[in-house]
């Protein structure tokens, strides 16, 4: 089974799959949090969405509260914060766990992929990024401190859309 077929509700609770959130196109999956030092990356993620959406690409935010309790809010609070503070228009999922016994099935697959340093395994912090192709295969993994508009990410996105 492709990770695209894994059950994953939208932030508003609408049931679906990752495929529903990505629209069957290449996507950057990011575990997000509203009260993290890296939260300003929402702005750059939204810029990526604006730049590439018309070319068949999307960002998908997957809220997670596993790192320092930095995503404590309800789905409604998360949606309001993202919209009001960063103008987020990209799709967001329900809150998920990315590590441990409750790890979501999507992340069980994602964490098998090594990052730019060759390290696979548990997600290290909020805003870790996974680039997937339209087929759901992981293309690349980027650590949380790499900016969403870093050339190594945008060049890979461009290659998927070529």
N, C-alpha and C. Protein backbone atom coordinates (compact mmCIF):
# COMPACT_ATOMS: atom_id res chain seq x y z
N UNK A 1 0.84 -1.19 0.00
CA UNK A 1 0.00 0.00 0.00
C UNK A 1 0.88 1.25 0.00
N UNK A 2 0.53 2.20 -0.81
CA UNK A 2 1.24 3.48 -0.86
C UNK A 2 0.85 4.33 0.35
N UNK A 3 1.79 5.16 0.81
CA UNK A 3 1.45 6.07 1.91
C UNK A 3 0.31 7.00 1.52
N UNK A 4 0.12 7.19 0.22
CA UNK A 4 -0.97 8.05 -0.25
C UNK A 4 -2.33 7.49 0.13
N UNK A 5 -2.40 6.16 0.34
CA UNK A 5 -3.68 5.52 0.67
C UNK A 5 -3.91 5.39 2.17
N UNK A 6 -2.95 5.85 2.98
CA UNK A 6 -3.10 5.77 4.43
C UNK A 6 -4.21 6.73 4.88
N UNK A 7 -5.11 6.27 5.75
CA UNK A 7 -6.15 7.15 6.26
C UNK A 7 -5.54 8.35 6.98
N UNK A 8 -6.05 9.53 6.67
CA UNK A 8 -5.56 10.76 7.28
C UNK A 8 -6.64 11.82 7.13
N UNK A 9 -7.19 12.23 8.24
CA UNK A 9 -8.26 13.24 8.20
C UNK A 9 -7.66 14.63 8.00
N UNK A 10 -8.45 15.50 7.42
CA UNK A 10 -8.07 16.91 7.31
C UNK A 10 -8.16 17.56 8.69
N UNK A 11 -7.59 18.73 8.81
CA UNK A 11 -7.59 19.46 10.07
C UNK A 11 -9.02 19.70 10.57
N UNK A 12 -9.96 19.85 9.65
CA UNK A 12 -11.35 20.09 10.05
C UNK A 12 -12.09 18.80 10.42
N UNK A 13 -11.37 17.66 10.39
CA UNK A 13 -11.95 16.38 10.78
C UNK A 13 -12.53 15.58 9.63
N UNK A 14 -12.55 16.13 8.43
CA UNK A 14 -13.06 15.40 7.28
C UNK A 14 -12.18 14.18 7.03
N UNK A 15 -12.78 12.97 7.02
CA UNK A 15 -11.96 11.79 6.78
C UNK A 15 -11.42 11.76 5.36
N UNK A 16 -10.31 11.10 5.19
CA UNK A 16 -9.72 10.96 3.87
C UNK A 16 -8.40 10.23 3.94
N UNK A 17 -7.56 10.50 2.97
CA UNK A 17 -6.24 9.88 2.87
C UNK A 17 -5.21 10.97 2.56
N UNK A 18 -3.95 10.59 2.63
CA UNK A 18 -2.91 11.53 2.23
C UNK A 18 -3.09 11.92 0.76
N UNK A 19 -3.54 10.99 -0.07
CA UNK A 19 -3.79 11.30 -1.49
C UNK A 19 -4.80 12.44 -1.62
N UNK A 20 -5.81 12.45 -0.75
CA UNK A 20 -6.80 13.53 -0.78
C UNK A 20 -6.14 14.87 -0.49
N UNK A 21 -5.18 14.88 0.43
CA UNK A 21 -4.51 16.13 0.79
C UNK A 21 -3.52 16.58 -0.28
N UNK A 22 -2.85 15.63 -0.92
CA UNK A 22 -1.86 16.01 -1.94
C UNK A 22 -2.49 16.23 -3.31
N UNK A 23 -3.70 15.74 -3.49
CA UNK A 23 -4.32 15.84 -4.81
C UNK A 23 -3.63 14.96 -5.82
N UNK A 24 -2.88 13.96 -5.35
CA UNK A 24 -2.17 13.06 -6.26
C UNK A 24 -1.00 13.73 -6.97
N UNK A 25 -0.48 14.79 -6.40
CA UNK A 25 0.65 15.49 -7.02
C UNK A 25 1.84 15.48 -6.06
N UNK A 26 3.02 15.81 -6.56
CA UNK A 26 4.18 15.89 -5.66
C UNK A 26 3.89 16.85 -4.51
N UNK A 27 4.49 16.56 -3.34
CA UNK A 27 4.17 17.35 -2.15
C UNK A 27 5.36 17.40 -1.20
N UNK A 28 5.39 18.45 -0.42
CA UNK A 28 6.34 18.59 0.68
C UNK A 28 5.53 18.40 1.96
N UNK A 29 5.81 17.29 2.67
CA UNK A 29 5.11 16.98 3.91
C UNK A 29 5.94 17.53 5.06
N UNK A 30 5.31 18.30 5.94
CA UNK A 30 6.04 18.96 7.02
C UNK A 30 5.27 18.80 8.33
N UNK A 31 5.96 18.27 9.37
CA UNK A 31 5.32 18.23 10.69
C UNK A 31 5.47 19.62 11.30
N UNK A 32 4.34 20.27 11.50
CA UNK A 32 4.32 21.68 11.89
C UNK A 32 3.89 21.85 13.34
N UNK A 33 4.22 23.01 13.90
CA UNK A 33 3.83 23.37 15.26
C UNK A 33 3.72 24.89 15.36
N UNK A 34 2.76 25.34 16.13
CA UNK A 34 2.45 26.77 16.22
C UNK A 34 3.28 27.56 17.22
N UNK A 35 3.94 26.87 18.15
CA UNK A 35 4.66 27.57 19.22
C UNK A 35 6.13 27.17 19.25
N UNK A 36 6.74 27.07 18.10
CA UNK A 36 8.12 26.61 17.95
C UNK A 36 8.96 27.76 17.41
N UNK A 37 10.23 27.74 17.72
CA UNK A 37 11.14 28.74 17.16
C UNK A 37 11.19 28.70 15.65
N UNK A 38 10.82 27.56 15.06
CA UNK A 38 10.84 27.41 13.60
C UNK A 38 9.48 27.74 12.97
N UNK A 39 8.49 28.10 13.78
CA UNK A 39 7.15 28.39 13.27
C UNK A 39 7.14 29.42 12.14
N UNK A 40 8.03 30.42 12.14
CA UNK A 40 8.03 31.36 11.01
C UNK A 40 8.25 30.69 9.64
N UNK A 41 8.67 29.42 9.62
CA UNK A 41 8.78 28.71 8.34
C UNK A 41 7.42 28.61 7.65
N UNK A 42 6.33 28.76 8.39
CA UNK A 42 5.01 28.77 7.75
C UNK A 42 4.97 29.78 6.61
N UNK A 43 5.61 30.94 6.79
CA UNK A 43 5.61 31.97 5.74
C UNK A 43 6.26 31.45 4.47
N UNK A 44 7.39 30.80 4.61
CA UNK A 44 8.11 30.29 3.44
C UNK A 44 7.39 29.09 2.84
N UNK A 45 6.77 28.27 3.68
CA UNK A 45 5.98 27.16 3.15
C UNK A 45 4.81 27.70 2.33
N UNK A 46 4.19 28.77 2.80
CA UNK A 46 3.10 29.38 2.05
C UNK A 46 3.61 29.98 0.73
N UNK A 47 4.81 30.55 0.74
CA UNK A 47 5.41 31.06 -0.50
C UNK A 47 5.65 29.92 -1.49
N UNK A 48 6.12 28.76 -1.00
CA UNK A 48 6.29 27.59 -1.88
C UNK A 48 4.95 27.19 -2.49
N UNK A 49 3.93 27.17 -1.65
CA UNK A 49 2.59 26.82 -2.14
C UNK A 49 2.16 27.79 -3.24
N UNK A 50 2.34 29.07 -3.01
CA UNK A 50 1.95 30.08 -4.00
C UNK A 50 2.75 29.94 -5.29
N UNK A 51 4.03 29.63 -5.17
CA UNK A 51 4.91 29.53 -6.33
C UNK A 51 4.61 28.30 -7.19
N UNK A 52 4.34 27.17 -6.54
CA UNK A 52 4.28 25.90 -7.28
C UNK A 52 2.90 25.28 -7.42
N UNK A 53 1.89 25.78 -6.75
CA UNK A 53 0.56 25.14 -6.79
C UNK A 53 0.03 25.03 -8.21
N UNK A 54 0.17 26.08 -8.99
CA UNK A 54 -0.35 26.06 -10.37
C UNK A 54 0.40 25.10 -11.27
N UNK A 55 1.56 24.63 -10.81
CA UNK A 55 2.35 23.68 -11.60
C UNK A 55 2.15 22.24 -11.13
N UNK A 56 1.22 22.02 -10.19
CA UNK A 56 0.93 20.65 -9.77
C UNK A 56 1.72 20.20 -8.56
N UNK A 57 1.88 21.08 -7.58
CA UNK A 57 2.63 20.76 -6.37
C UNK A 57 1.88 21.33 -5.17
N UNK A 58 2.04 20.68 -4.02
CA UNK A 58 1.43 21.23 -2.81
C UNK A 58 2.31 20.98 -1.60
N UNK A 59 2.15 21.83 -0.63
CA UNK A 59 2.71 21.63 0.70
C UNK A 59 1.58 21.01 1.52
N UNK A 60 1.92 20.10 2.42
CA UNK A 60 0.94 19.54 3.35
C UNK A 60 1.50 19.68 4.76
N UNK A 61 0.76 20.37 5.62
CA UNK A 61 1.14 20.51 7.02
C UNK A 61 0.52 19.41 7.85
N UNK A 62 1.35 18.77 8.68
CA UNK A 62 0.89 17.71 9.57
C UNK A 62 1.21 18.13 11.00
N UNK A 63 0.27 18.79 11.69
CA UNK A 63 0.52 19.26 13.04
C UNK A 63 0.91 18.11 13.98
N UNK A 64 1.86 18.40 14.86
CA UNK A 64 2.36 17.41 15.80
C UNK A 64 2.70 18.09 17.12
N UNK A 65 2.31 17.46 18.21
CA UNK A 65 2.56 18.04 19.54
C UNK A 65 3.59 17.23 20.32
N UNK A 66 4.44 16.48 19.63
CA UNK A 66 5.38 15.60 20.31
C UNK A 66 6.69 16.26 20.71
N UNK A 67 6.94 17.47 20.28
CA UNK A 67 8.22 18.12 20.56
C UNK A 67 7.98 19.34 21.45
N UNK A 68 8.19 19.17 22.73
CA UNK A 68 8.05 20.27 23.67
C UNK A 68 6.63 20.79 23.83
N UNK A 69 5.64 20.00 23.44
CA UNK A 69 4.25 20.44 23.57
C UNK A 69 3.98 21.71 22.79
N UNK A 70 4.61 21.86 21.61
CA UNK A 70 4.55 23.12 20.88
C UNK A 70 3.39 23.22 19.89
N UNK A 71 2.50 22.22 19.91
CA UNK A 71 1.26 22.30 19.12
C UNK A 71 0.11 21.83 20.01
N UNK A 72 -0.17 22.59 21.10
CA UNK A 72 -1.16 22.14 22.08
C UNK A 72 -2.61 22.41 21.71
N UNK A 73 -2.85 23.24 20.73
CA UNK A 73 -4.20 23.70 20.45
C UNK A 73 -5.11 22.67 19.82
N UNK A 74 -6.39 23.00 19.81
CA UNK A 74 -7.39 22.19 19.12
C UNK A 74 -7.23 22.41 17.61
N UNK A 75 -7.90 21.60 16.84
CA UNK A 75 -7.86 21.78 15.38
C UNK A 75 -8.33 23.18 14.98
N UNK A 76 -9.37 23.66 15.64
CA UNK A 76 -9.89 24.99 15.33
C UNK A 76 -8.86 26.07 15.67
N UNK A 77 -8.18 25.93 16.80
CA UNK A 77 -7.16 26.90 17.19
C UNK A 77 -5.97 26.88 16.23
N UNK A 78 -5.57 25.69 15.80
CA UNK A 78 -4.47 25.57 14.84
C UNK A 78 -4.85 26.25 13.53
N UNK A 79 -6.04 25.95 13.04
CA UNK A 79 -6.50 26.54 11.78
C UNK A 79 -6.56 28.06 11.87
N UNK A 80 -7.09 28.58 12.95
CA UNK A 80 -7.20 30.03 13.13
C UNK A 80 -5.81 30.67 13.18
N UNK A 81 -4.89 30.08 13.95
CA UNK A 81 -3.54 30.61 14.06
C UNK A 81 -2.86 30.64 12.69
N UNK A 82 -2.92 29.54 11.97
CA UNK A 82 -2.23 29.45 10.68
C UNK A 82 -2.80 30.42 9.66
N UNK A 83 -4.11 30.56 9.66
CA UNK A 83 -4.76 31.47 8.72
C UNK A 83 -4.49 32.93 9.08
N UNK A 84 -4.71 33.29 10.34
CA UNK A 84 -4.59 34.68 10.76
C UNK A 84 -3.15 35.16 10.80
N UNK A 85 -2.23 34.30 11.21
CA UNK A 85 -0.84 34.72 11.40
C UNK A 85 -0.01 34.59 10.14
N UNK A 86 -0.23 33.52 9.37
CA UNK A 86 0.62 33.25 8.21
C UNK A 86 -0.13 33.13 6.89
N UNK A 87 -1.43 33.28 6.89
CA UNK A 87 -2.20 33.19 5.66
C UNK A 87 -2.11 31.84 4.98
N UNK A 88 -1.99 30.79 5.77
CA UNK A 88 -1.79 29.45 5.22
C UNK A 88 -2.99 29.02 4.38
N UNK A 89 -2.70 28.61 3.15
CA UNK A 89 -3.73 28.12 2.25
C UNK A 89 -3.51 26.65 1.89
N UNK A 90 -2.33 26.12 2.22
CA UNK A 90 -2.07 24.72 1.86
C UNK A 90 -2.84 23.78 2.79
N UNK A 91 -3.08 22.54 2.34
CA UNK A 91 -3.85 21.61 3.15
C UNK A 91 -3.11 21.21 4.43
N UNK A 92 -3.91 20.98 5.47
CA UNK A 92 -3.38 20.56 6.77
C UNK A 92 -4.16 19.32 7.21
N UNK A 93 -3.45 18.42 7.87
CA UNK A 93 -4.09 17.22 8.40
C UNK A 93 -4.48 17.42 9.85
N UNK A 94 -5.16 16.42 10.37
CA UNK A 94 -5.39 16.34 11.80
C UNK A 94 -4.04 16.24 12.50
N UNK A 95 -4.02 16.45 13.79
CA UNK A 95 -2.79 16.30 14.56
C UNK A 95 -2.35 14.83 14.52
N UNK A 96 -1.06 14.59 14.29
CA UNK A 96 -0.53 13.23 14.21
C UNK A 96 0.69 13.08 15.11
N UNK A 97 1.03 11.83 15.38
CA UNK A 97 2.29 11.51 16.06
C UNK A 97 3.26 11.04 15.00
N UNK A 98 4.50 11.53 15.08
CA UNK A 98 5.51 11.19 14.08
C UNK A 98 6.53 10.18 14.60
N UNK A 99 6.56 9.98 15.92
CA UNK A 99 7.50 9.05 16.55
C UNK A 99 6.76 8.20 17.58
N UNK A 100 7.42 7.13 18.02
CA UNK A 100 6.90 6.32 19.12
C UNK A 100 5.83 5.34 18.72
N UNK A 101 5.22 4.73 19.74
CA UNK A 101 4.23 3.68 19.52
C UNK A 101 3.01 4.17 18.76
N UNK A 102 2.67 5.45 18.90
CA UNK A 102 1.51 6.00 18.21
C UNK A 102 1.83 6.61 16.86
N UNK A 103 3.06 6.36 16.36
CA UNK A 103 3.48 6.95 15.07
C UNK A 103 2.46 6.64 13.97
N UNK A 104 2.06 7.67 13.25
CA UNK A 104 1.12 7.50 12.14
C UNK A 104 1.76 6.63 11.06
N UNK A 105 0.93 5.85 10.37
CA UNK A 105 1.43 4.95 9.33
C UNK A 105 2.25 5.68 8.27
N UNK A 106 1.88 6.90 7.96
CA UNK A 106 2.63 7.66 6.96
C UNK A 106 4.07 7.86 7.43
N UNK A 107 4.23 8.22 8.69
CA UNK A 107 5.58 8.46 9.21
C UNK A 107 6.36 7.17 9.42
N UNK A 108 5.67 6.05 9.60
CA UNK A 108 6.38 4.77 9.69
C UNK A 108 7.19 4.54 8.42
N UNK A 109 6.65 4.96 7.31
CA UNK A 109 7.35 4.85 6.03
C UNK A 109 8.35 5.99 5.84
N UNK A 110 7.94 7.21 6.12
CA UNK A 110 8.80 8.36 5.88
C UNK A 110 10.13 8.27 6.62
N UNK A 111 10.12 7.83 7.87
CA UNK A 111 11.34 7.84 8.67
C UNK A 111 12.39 6.82 8.21
N UNK A 112 12.01 5.96 7.28
CA UNK A 112 12.98 5.02 6.71
C UNK A 112 13.94 5.72 5.75
N UNK A 113 13.57 6.90 5.31
CA UNK A 113 14.38 7.65 4.35
C UNK A 113 15.44 8.46 5.07
N UNK A 114 16.70 8.35 4.62
CA UNK A 114 17.75 9.17 5.23
C UNK A 114 17.65 10.63 4.78
N UNK A 115 18.08 11.53 5.67
CA UNK A 115 18.11 12.96 5.34
C UNK A 115 19.37 13.29 4.55
N UNK A 116 19.62 14.58 4.37
CA UNK A 116 20.77 15.04 3.58
C UNK A 116 22.11 14.64 4.22
N UNK A 117 22.09 14.26 5.49
CA UNK A 117 23.31 13.80 6.17
C UNK A 117 23.43 12.28 6.17
N UNK A 118 22.46 11.60 5.54
CA UNK A 118 22.47 10.14 5.48
C UNK A 118 21.85 9.48 6.69
N UNK A 119 21.14 10.24 7.53
CA UNK A 119 20.56 9.72 8.76
C UNK A 119 19.07 9.45 8.59
N UNK A 120 18.68 8.18 8.83
CA UNK A 120 17.27 7.80 8.84
C UNK A 120 16.84 7.67 10.30
N UNK A 121 15.59 7.32 10.52
CA UNK A 121 15.09 7.12 11.87
C UNK A 121 14.14 8.21 12.30
N UNK A 122 13.91 8.28 13.60
CA UNK A 122 12.91 9.19 14.15
C UNK A 122 13.05 10.61 13.64
N UNK A 123 11.89 11.27 13.54
CA UNK A 123 11.85 12.70 13.25
C UNK A 123 12.52 13.40 14.43
N UNK A 124 13.38 14.36 14.14
CA UNK A 124 14.17 15.01 15.18
C UNK A 124 13.49 16.19 15.85
N UNK A 125 12.65 16.93 15.11
CA UNK A 125 12.02 18.11 15.68
C UNK A 125 10.92 18.58 14.74
N UNK A 126 10.19 19.61 15.15
CA UNK A 126 9.18 20.23 14.31
C UNK A 126 9.80 20.74 13.01
N UNK A 127 9.01 20.74 11.96
CA UNK A 127 9.37 21.28 10.65
C UNK A 127 10.41 20.43 9.91
N UNK A 128 10.46 19.13 10.20
CA UNK A 128 11.23 18.22 9.35
C UNK A 128 10.41 18.04 8.08
N UNK A 129 11.09 17.97 6.95
CA UNK A 129 10.42 17.99 5.66
C UNK A 129 10.71 16.73 4.86
N UNK A 130 9.66 16.22 4.20
CA UNK A 130 9.77 15.06 3.34
C UNK A 130 9.16 15.42 2.00
N UNK A 131 9.94 15.32 0.94
CA UNK A 131 9.46 15.58 -0.41
C UNK A 131 9.05 14.25 -1.02
N UNK A 132 7.81 14.17 -1.48
CA UNK A 132 7.34 12.95 -2.11
C UNK A 132 6.91 13.23 -3.54
N UNK A 133 7.04 12.20 -4.37
CA UNK A 133 6.57 12.29 -5.74
C UNK A 133 5.08 12.07 -5.81
N UNK A 134 4.51 12.25 -6.99
CA UNK A 134 3.08 12.05 -7.19
C UNK A 134 2.66 10.62 -6.85
N UNK A 135 3.61 9.68 -6.95
CA UNK A 135 3.33 8.27 -6.65
C UNK A 135 3.45 7.95 -5.17
N UNK A 136 3.79 8.93 -4.35
CA UNK A 136 3.92 8.72 -2.92
C UNK A 136 5.29 8.27 -2.46
N UNK A 137 6.20 8.06 -3.40
CA UNK A 137 7.56 7.65 -3.04
C UNK A 137 8.33 8.84 -2.48
N UNK A 138 9.09 8.58 -1.41
CA UNK A 138 9.87 9.65 -0.81
C UNK A 138 11.07 9.96 -1.71
N UNK A 139 11.20 11.22 -2.07
CA UNK A 139 12.27 11.69 -2.94
C UNK A 139 13.45 12.19 -2.10
N UNK A 140 13.13 12.89 -1.00
CA UNK A 140 14.19 13.47 -0.17
C UNK A 140 13.62 13.82 1.20
N UNK A 141 14.55 13.92 2.16
CA UNK A 141 14.21 14.30 3.54
C UNK A 141 15.15 15.42 3.96
N UNK A 142 14.59 16.42 4.63
CA UNK A 142 15.38 17.58 5.03
C UNK A 142 15.19 17.88 6.50
N UNK A 143 16.29 18.19 7.18
CA UNK A 143 16.19 18.46 8.62
C UNK A 143 15.43 19.76 8.87
N UNK A 144 14.94 19.94 10.09
CA UNK A 144 14.06 21.07 10.40
C UNK A 144 14.66 22.45 10.15
N UNK A 145 15.96 22.60 10.29
CA UNK A 145 16.55 23.94 10.14
C UNK A 145 16.79 24.34 8.70
N UNK A 146 16.62 23.43 7.77
CA UNK A 146 16.76 23.80 6.35
C UNK A 146 15.50 24.55 5.94
N UNK A 147 15.69 25.77 5.46
CA UNK A 147 14.56 26.62 5.07
C UNK A 147 13.80 25.97 3.90
N UNK A 148 12.48 26.09 3.90
CA UNK A 148 11.69 25.51 2.83
C UNK A 148 12.06 26.00 1.43
N UNK A 149 12.63 27.22 1.34
CA UNK A 149 13.00 27.74 0.03
C UNK A 149 14.49 27.57 -0.27
N UNK A 150 15.18 26.74 0.51
CA UNK A 150 16.58 26.44 0.24
C UNK A 150 16.70 25.81 -1.15
N UNK A 151 17.76 26.12 -1.85
CA UNK A 151 17.95 25.64 -3.22
C UNK A 151 17.89 24.12 -3.31
N UNK A 152 18.38 23.41 -2.30
CA UNK A 152 18.34 21.95 -2.40
C UNK A 152 16.90 21.42 -2.41
N UNK A 153 15.98 22.15 -1.81
CA UNK A 153 14.57 21.75 -1.85
C UNK A 153 13.92 22.23 -3.15
N UNK A 154 14.09 23.50 -3.48
CA UNK A 154 13.41 24.03 -4.67
C UNK A 154 13.91 23.37 -5.96
N UNK A 155 15.19 23.04 -6.01
CA UNK A 155 15.71 22.35 -7.21
C UNK A 155 15.08 20.96 -7.36
N UNK A 156 14.87 20.26 -6.23
CA UNK A 156 14.22 18.93 -6.29
C UNK A 156 12.76 19.08 -6.68
N UNK A 157 12.09 20.12 -6.16
CA UNK A 157 10.70 20.35 -6.55
C UNK A 157 10.64 20.60 -8.06
N UNK A 158 11.52 21.47 -8.55
CA UNK A 158 11.56 21.77 -9.99
C UNK A 158 11.76 20.49 -10.81
N UNK A 159 12.63 19.60 -10.34
CA UNK A 159 12.89 18.36 -11.09
C UNK A 159 11.67 17.47 -11.13
N UNK A 160 10.84 17.51 -10.07
CA UNK A 160 9.62 16.70 -10.06
C UNK A 160 8.56 17.27 -11.00
N UNK A 161 8.63 18.56 -11.24
CA UNK A 161 7.61 19.23 -12.05
C UNK A 161 8.04 19.40 -13.51
N UNK A 162 9.26 19.02 -13.82
CA UNK A 162 9.78 19.22 -15.18
C UNK A 162 9.08 18.30 -16.18
